Amino acid sequence: MHGLEAEYYGRINFVYLDIDDPANETFRDILDFRYQPQLILLDGNGEVLYQWIGPKPREEFVAVFEDVLAR
């Protein structure tokens, strides 16, 4: 994910939340965050666009990122 973060720097903001950190409980509940890894792509208004659970290939993220950025 860090490689993708560097590649999409300035176009997509990456935020990492620790599911075990009590400070993230509100986000965990709002986003129904229950698994590790669980990756969620939000739009600028905080709406969920895509969600991935478990390991996924880099190409899957790139395809979605490019699709969303092209809109």
Protein backbone atom coordinates (compact mmCIF):
# COMPACT_ATOMS: atom_id res chain seq x y z
CA MET A 1 0.00 0.00 0.00
CA HIS A 2 2.87 2.38 0.71
CA GLY A 3 4.07 2.01 -2.87
CA LEU A 4 0.63 2.96 -4.16
CA GLU A 5 0.56 5.87 -1.75
CA ALA A 6 3.77 7.20 -3.27
CA GLU A 7 2.48 6.63 -6.81
CA TYR A 8 -0.81 8.45 -6.18
CA TYR A 9 0.65 11.19 -3.97
CA GLY A 10 -1.33 14.39 -4.37
CA ARG A 11 -4.27 12.65 -6.03
CA ILE A 12 -5.41 10.24 -3.31
CA ASN A 13 -4.96 10.74 0.43
CA PHE A 14 -4.06 7.57 2.30
CA VAL A 15 -4.99 7.27 5.98
CA TYR A 16 -4.07 4.28 8.11
CA LEU A 17 -6.19 3.32 11.12
CA ASP A 18 -5.21 0.78 13.73
CA ILE A 19 -8.31 -1.33 14.41
CA ASP A 20 -7.02 -2.09 17.93
CA ASP A 21 -6.54 1.56 18.92
CA PRO A 22 -9.50 2.71 21.07
CA ALA A 23 -9.09 6.22 19.60
CA ASN A 24 -10.34 4.82 16.28
CA GLU A 25 -13.53 3.30 17.69
CA THR A 26 -15.81 5.92 16.11
CA PHE A 27 -14.28 5.41 12.65
CA ARG A 28 -14.32 1.65 13.12
CA ASP A 29 -18.07 1.76 13.85
CA ILE A 30 -18.98 4.23 11.09
CA LEU A 31 -17.04 2.28 8.45
CA ASP A 32 -17.95 -1.15 9.86
CA PHE A 33 -14.23 -1.89 10.05
CA ARG A 34 -13.86 -5.45 11.33
CA TYR A 35 -11.03 -7.19 9.47
CA GLN A 36 -7.33 -6.88 8.84
CA PRO A 37 -6.49 -5.95 6.24
CA GLN A 38 -9.59 -4.02 5.31
CA LEU A 39 -9.17 -1.15 2.88
CA ILE A 40 -11.84 1.42 2.20
CA LEU A 41 -11.85 4.04 -0.57
CA LEU A 42 -13.90 7.11 0.31
CA ASP A 43 -14.88 10.03 -1.86
CA GLY A 44 -14.33 13.65 -0.82
CA ASN A 45 -17.59 13.59 1.15
CA GLY A 46 -16.65 10.50 3.15
CA GLU A 47 -18.93 8.16 1.20
CA VAL A 48 -17.64 4.62 0.66
CA LEU A 49 -16.80 4.01 -3.00
CA TYR A 50 -15.07 0.64 -2.70
CA GLN A 51 -14.08 -1.75 0.04
CA TRP A 52 -11.58 -4.60 0.02
CA ILE A 53 -11.25 -7.28 2.67
CA GLY A 54 -8.15 -9.42 2.76
CA PRO A 55 -5.04 -9.25 0.63
CA LYS A 56 -5.60 -8.13 -2.96
CA PRO A 57 -3.24 -7.75 -5.93
CA ARG A 58 -1.84 -4.31 -6.68
CA GLU A 59 -3.51 -4.32 -10.10
CA GLU A 60 -6.96 -4.45 -8.50
CA PHE A 61 -6.30 -1.24 -6.57
CA VAL A 62 -4.78 0.49 -9.59
CA ALA A 63 -7.80 -0.33 -11.75
CA VAL A 64 -10.21 1.11 -9.19
CA PHE A 65 -8.06 4.16 -8.44
CA GLU A 66 -7.72 4.98 -12.14
CA ASP A 67 -11.45 4.53 -12.69
CA VAL A 68 -12.34 6.83 -9.79
CA LEU A 69 -9.79 9.46 -10.77
CA ALA A 70 -11.06 9.49 -14.37
CA ARG A 71 -14.57 10.51 -13.25
